[in-house]
């Protein structure tokens, strides 16, 4: 799941220069970007519930990293996503 979150962000970011340079058509990139945005919520959701590492565990930083990185395509800060989801 960690690779899914980070890999999805890399794929989403790669679409921008590919479209801007004309290497990839916007008609192909738009559905791919939409799919990336939809798929980025799952790693974020797992991080919101601290499923990667609980508070006090050595890998807690990984939980936060995945949470913050996977919400970039959503244009939604991780803290906001966590607060609104957990209420």
N, C-alpha and C. Protein backbone atom coordinates (compact mmCIF):
# COMPACT_ATOMS: atom_id res chain seq x y z
N UNK A 1 0.82 -1.19 0.00
CA UNK A 1 0.00 0.00 0.00
C UNK A 1 0.87 1.26 0.00
N UNK A 2 2.02 1.21 0.66
CA UNK A 2 2.90 2.37 0.69
C UNK A 2 3.41 2.69 -0.71
N UNK A 3 3.76 1.66 -1.46
CA UNK A 3 4.25 1.86 -2.82
C UNK A 3 3.14 2.39 -3.71
N UNK A 4 1.92 1.93 -3.46
CA UNK A 4 0.76 2.40 -4.22
C UNK A 4 0.62 3.92 -4.05
N UNK A 5 0.68 4.39 -2.83
CA UNK A 5 0.51 5.82 -2.57
C UNK A 5 1.61 6.66 -3.20
N UNK A 6 2.85 6.24 -3.04
CA UNK A 6 3.98 7.00 -3.59
C UNK A 6 4.05 6.87 -5.11
N UNK A 7 3.82 5.66 -5.62
CA UNK A 7 3.84 5.44 -7.07
C UNK A 7 2.74 6.19 -7.78
N UNK A 8 1.59 6.26 -7.16
CA UNK A 8 0.47 6.98 -7.74
C UNK A 8 0.79 8.47 -7.86
N UNK A 9 1.43 9.03 -6.85
CA UNK A 9 1.82 10.44 -6.90
C UNK A 9 2.82 10.67 -8.03
N UNK A 10 3.81 9.79 -8.16
CA UNK A 10 4.81 9.93 -9.22
C UNK A 10 4.15 9.88 -10.60
N UNK A 11 3.22 8.96 -10.78
CA UNK A 11 2.50 8.85 -12.05
C UNK A 11 1.70 10.13 -12.32
N UNK A 12 1.00 10.63 -11.33
CA UNK A 12 0.19 11.84 -11.48
C UNK A 12 1.08 13.04 -11.83
N UNK A 13 2.21 13.17 -11.14
CA UNK A 13 3.13 14.27 -11.42
C UNK A 13 3.76 14.16 -12.80
N UNK A 14 4.03 12.94 -13.25
CA UNK A 14 4.65 12.73 -14.56
C UNK A 14 3.73 13.14 -15.70
N UNK A 15 2.44 13.11 -15.48
CA UNK A 15 1.50 13.49 -16.54
C UNK A 15 1.63 14.97 -16.91
N UNK A 16 1.94 15.82 -15.94
CA UNK A 16 2.02 17.25 -16.22
C UNK A 16 3.06 17.59 -17.29
N UNK A 17 4.34 17.24 -17.13
CA UNK A 17 5.30 17.59 -18.18
C UNK A 17 5.04 16.85 -19.49
N UNK A 18 4.52 15.63 -19.41
CA UNK A 18 4.23 14.90 -20.64
C UNK A 18 3.18 15.61 -21.48
N UNK A 19 2.19 16.18 -20.85
CA UNK A 19 1.15 16.93 -21.58
C UNK A 19 1.69 18.28 -22.03
N UNK A 20 2.41 18.96 -21.16
CA UNK A 20 2.91 20.30 -21.49
C UNK A 20 3.90 20.28 -22.65
N UNK A 21 4.66 19.20 -22.78
CA UNK A 21 5.62 19.11 -23.88
C UNK A 21 5.00 18.50 -25.14
N UNK A 22 3.76 18.07 -25.06
CA UNK A 22 3.09 17.49 -26.22
C UNK A 22 3.40 16.02 -26.43
N UNK A 23 4.10 15.40 -25.51
CA UNK A 23 4.43 13.98 -25.62
C UNK A 23 3.20 13.11 -25.45
N UNK A 24 2.28 13.55 -24.60
CA UNK A 24 1.07 12.79 -24.32
C UNK A 24 -0.14 13.70 -24.55
N UNK A 25 -1.12 13.18 -25.23
CA UNK A 25 -2.33 13.95 -25.51
C UNK A 25 -3.11 14.20 -24.23
N UNK A 26 -3.70 15.38 -24.15
CA UNK A 26 -4.54 15.71 -23.00
C UNK A 26 -5.72 14.75 -22.89
N UNK A 27 -6.20 14.26 -24.01
CA UNK A 27 -7.34 13.34 -24.02
C UNK A 27 -6.99 11.99 -23.41
N UNK A 28 -5.74 11.64 -23.43
CA UNK A 28 -5.28 10.40 -22.78
C UNK A 28 -4.90 10.69 -21.32
N UNK A 29 -4.25 11.83 -21.10
CA UNK A 29 -3.76 12.16 -19.76
C UNK A 29 -4.89 12.46 -18.79
N UNK A 30 -5.96 13.08 -19.26
CA UNK A 30 -7.04 13.45 -18.34
C UNK A 30 -7.68 12.24 -17.67
N UNK A 31 -8.06 11.19 -18.42
CA UNK A 31 -8.61 10.01 -17.73
C UNK A 31 -7.59 9.35 -16.80
N UNK A 32 -6.31 9.34 -17.19
CA UNK A 32 -5.28 8.77 -16.32
C UNK A 32 -5.14 9.59 -15.04
N UNK A 33 -5.15 10.90 -15.16
CA UNK A 33 -5.05 11.77 -13.98
C UNK A 33 -6.27 11.60 -13.08
N UNK A 34 -7.44 11.46 -13.70
CA UNK A 34 -8.66 11.26 -12.92
C UNK A 34 -8.58 9.94 -12.15
N UNK A 35 -8.11 8.90 -12.82
CA UNK A 35 -7.95 7.61 -12.16
C UNK A 35 -6.95 7.71 -11.00
N UNK A 36 -5.85 8.44 -11.22
CA UNK A 36 -4.86 8.64 -10.15
C UNK A 36 -5.47 9.33 -8.94
N UNK A 37 -6.27 10.34 -9.18
CA UNK A 37 -6.89 11.07 -8.07
C UNK A 37 -7.84 10.16 -7.30
N UNK A 38 -8.60 9.35 -8.03
CA UNK A 38 -9.52 8.42 -7.36
C UNK A 38 -8.75 7.39 -6.54
N UNK A 39 -7.69 6.84 -7.11
CA UNK A 39 -6.93 5.79 -6.44
C UNK A 39 -6.05 6.30 -5.30
N UNK A 40 -5.77 7.59 -5.26
CA UNK A 40 -4.90 8.10 -4.20
C UNK A 40 -5.62 8.19 -2.86
N UNK A 41 -6.93 8.08 -2.85
CA UNK A 41 -7.63 8.19 -1.58
C UNK A 41 -7.41 6.97 -0.68
N UNK A 42 -7.27 5.78 -1.25
CA UNK A 42 -7.13 4.57 -0.44
C UNK A 42 -5.90 4.61 0.47
N UNK A 43 -4.70 4.92 -0.03
CA UNK A 43 -3.56 5.01 0.89
C UNK A 43 -3.75 6.11 1.94
N UNK A 44 -4.37 7.20 1.53
CA UNK A 44 -4.66 8.28 2.48
C UNK A 44 -5.61 7.80 3.57
N UNK A 45 -6.61 7.05 3.19
CA UNK A 45 -7.59 6.54 4.15
C UNK A 45 -6.93 5.62 5.17
N UNK A 46 -6.04 4.76 4.70
CA UNK A 46 -5.33 3.86 5.62
C UNK A 46 -4.45 4.66 6.57
N UNK A 47 -3.81 5.72 6.06
CA UNK A 47 -2.97 6.55 6.92
C UNK A 47 -3.81 7.33 7.93
N UNK A 48 -5.01 7.75 7.53
CA UNK A 48 -5.89 8.47 8.45
C UNK A 48 -6.24 7.61 9.66
N UNK A 49 -6.35 6.31 9.45
CA UNK A 49 -6.66 5.39 10.54
C UNK A 49 -5.40 4.83 11.21
N UNK A 50 -4.23 5.34 10.82
CA UNK A 50 -2.93 4.91 11.36
C UNK A 50 -2.71 3.41 11.18
N UNK A 51 -3.10 2.89 10.04
CA UNK A 51 -2.93 1.46 9.76
C UNK A 51 -1.50 1.10 9.40
N UNK A 52 -0.69 2.05 8.97
CA UNK A 52 0.70 1.75 8.65
C UNK A 52 1.53 1.63 9.92
N UNK A 53 1.33 2.55 10.85
CA UNK A 53 2.06 2.53 12.13
C UNK A 53 1.28 3.36 13.14
N UNK A 54 1.08 2.81 14.29
CA UNK A 54 0.36 3.50 15.37
C UNK A 54 1.27 4.53 16.03
N UNK A 55 0.69 5.41 16.80
CA UNK A 55 1.47 6.42 17.54
C UNK A 55 2.48 5.73 18.45
N UNK A 56 3.70 6.25 18.45
CA UNK A 56 4.75 5.71 19.30
C UNK A 56 5.58 4.62 18.65
N UNK A 57 5.16 4.10 17.50
CA UNK A 57 5.94 3.07 16.80
C UNK A 57 7.05 3.72 15.99
N UNK A 58 8.16 2.99 15.76
CA UNK A 58 9.29 3.57 15.03
C UNK A 58 8.96 3.99 13.60
N UNK A 59 8.02 3.33 12.96
CA UNK A 59 7.69 3.66 11.57
C UNK A 59 6.51 4.64 11.46
N UNK A 60 6.24 5.36 12.51
CA UNK A 60 5.13 6.33 12.48
C UNK A 60 5.32 7.37 11.38
N UNK A 61 6.58 7.72 11.11
CA UNK A 61 6.86 8.70 10.07
C UNK A 61 6.35 8.22 8.71
N UNK A 62 6.37 6.90 8.47
CA UNK A 62 5.89 6.36 7.21
C UNK A 62 4.39 6.59 7.07
N UNK A 63 3.66 6.43 8.14
CA UNK A 63 2.22 6.68 8.13
C UNK A 63 1.94 8.13 7.73
N UNK A 64 2.67 9.05 8.33
CA UNK A 64 2.46 10.47 8.04
C UNK A 64 2.90 10.82 6.62
N UNK A 65 4.03 10.26 6.18
CA UNK A 65 4.53 10.52 4.83
C UNK A 65 3.51 10.08 3.78
N UNK A 66 3.02 8.87 3.90
CA UNK A 66 2.04 8.36 2.94
C UNK A 66 0.77 9.21 2.98
N UNK A 67 0.35 9.59 4.16
CA UNK A 67 -0.84 10.42 4.28
C UNK A 67 -0.69 11.76 3.58
N UNK A 68 0.42 12.43 3.82
CA UNK A 68 0.63 13.74 3.22
C UNK A 68 0.86 13.65 1.71
N UNK A 69 1.63 12.67 1.26
CA UNK A 69 1.95 12.54 -0.16
C UNK A 69 0.74 12.11 -0.97
N UNK A 70 -0.04 11.19 -0.45
CA UNK A 70 -1.16 10.66 -1.24
C UNK A 70 -2.32 11.64 -1.36
N UNK A 71 -2.36 12.67 -0.53
CA UNK A 71 -3.45 13.65 -0.66
C UNK A 71 -3.08 14.84 -1.54
N UNK A 72 -1.87 14.89 -2.06
CA UNK A 72 -1.47 15.99 -2.94
C UNK A 72 -2.36 16.04 -4.18
N UNK A 73 -2.59 14.93 -4.91
CA UNK A 73 -3.48 15.03 -6.07
C UNK A 73 -4.93 15.38 -5.71
N UNK A 74 -5.33 15.11 -4.49
CA UNK A 74 -6.69 15.46 -4.06
C UNK A 74 -6.83 16.94 -3.73
N UNK A 75 -5.71 17.64 -3.62
CA UNK A 75 -5.68 19.04 -3.20
C UNK A 75 -6.41 19.19 -1.87
N UNK A 76 -6.12 18.26 -0.99
CA UNK A 76 -6.74 18.24 0.34
C UNK A 76 -5.64 17.93 1.35
N UNK A 77 -5.35 18.86 2.25
CA UNK A 77 -4.31 18.59 3.25
C UNK A 77 -4.65 17.35 4.09
N UNK A 78 -3.63 16.57 4.40
CA UNK A 78 -3.83 15.32 5.14
C UNK A 78 -4.47 15.57 6.50
N UNK A 79 -4.04 16.62 7.20
CA UNK A 79 -4.62 16.90 8.51
C UNK A 79 -6.12 17.17 8.39
N UNK A 80 -6.51 17.91 7.36
CA UNK A 80 -7.93 18.20 7.14
C UNK A 80 -8.69 16.92 6.81
N UNK A 81 -8.11 16.08 5.97
CA UNK A 81 -8.75 14.81 5.61
C UNK A 81 -8.93 13.94 6.85
N UNK A 82 -7.91 13.89 7.69
CA UNK A 82 -7.99 13.07 8.91
C UNK A 82 -9.05 13.61 9.87
N UNK A 83 -9.06 14.91 10.08
CA UNK A 83 -10.02 15.51 11.02
C UNK A 83 -11.46 15.31 10.53
N UNK A 84 -11.70 15.59 9.26
CA UNK A 84 -13.08 15.48 8.75
C UNK A 84 -13.53 14.03 8.64
N UNK A 85 -12.60 13.12 8.40
CA UNK A 85 -12.98 11.71 8.27
C UNK A 85 -13.22 11.06 9.62
N UNK A 86 -12.43 11.44 10.60
CA UNK A 86 -12.52 10.79 11.91
C UNK A 86 -13.65 11.34 12.78
N UNK A 87 -14.23 12.45 12.39
CA UNK A 87 -15.36 13.00 13.18
C UNK A 87 -16.64 12.29 12.90
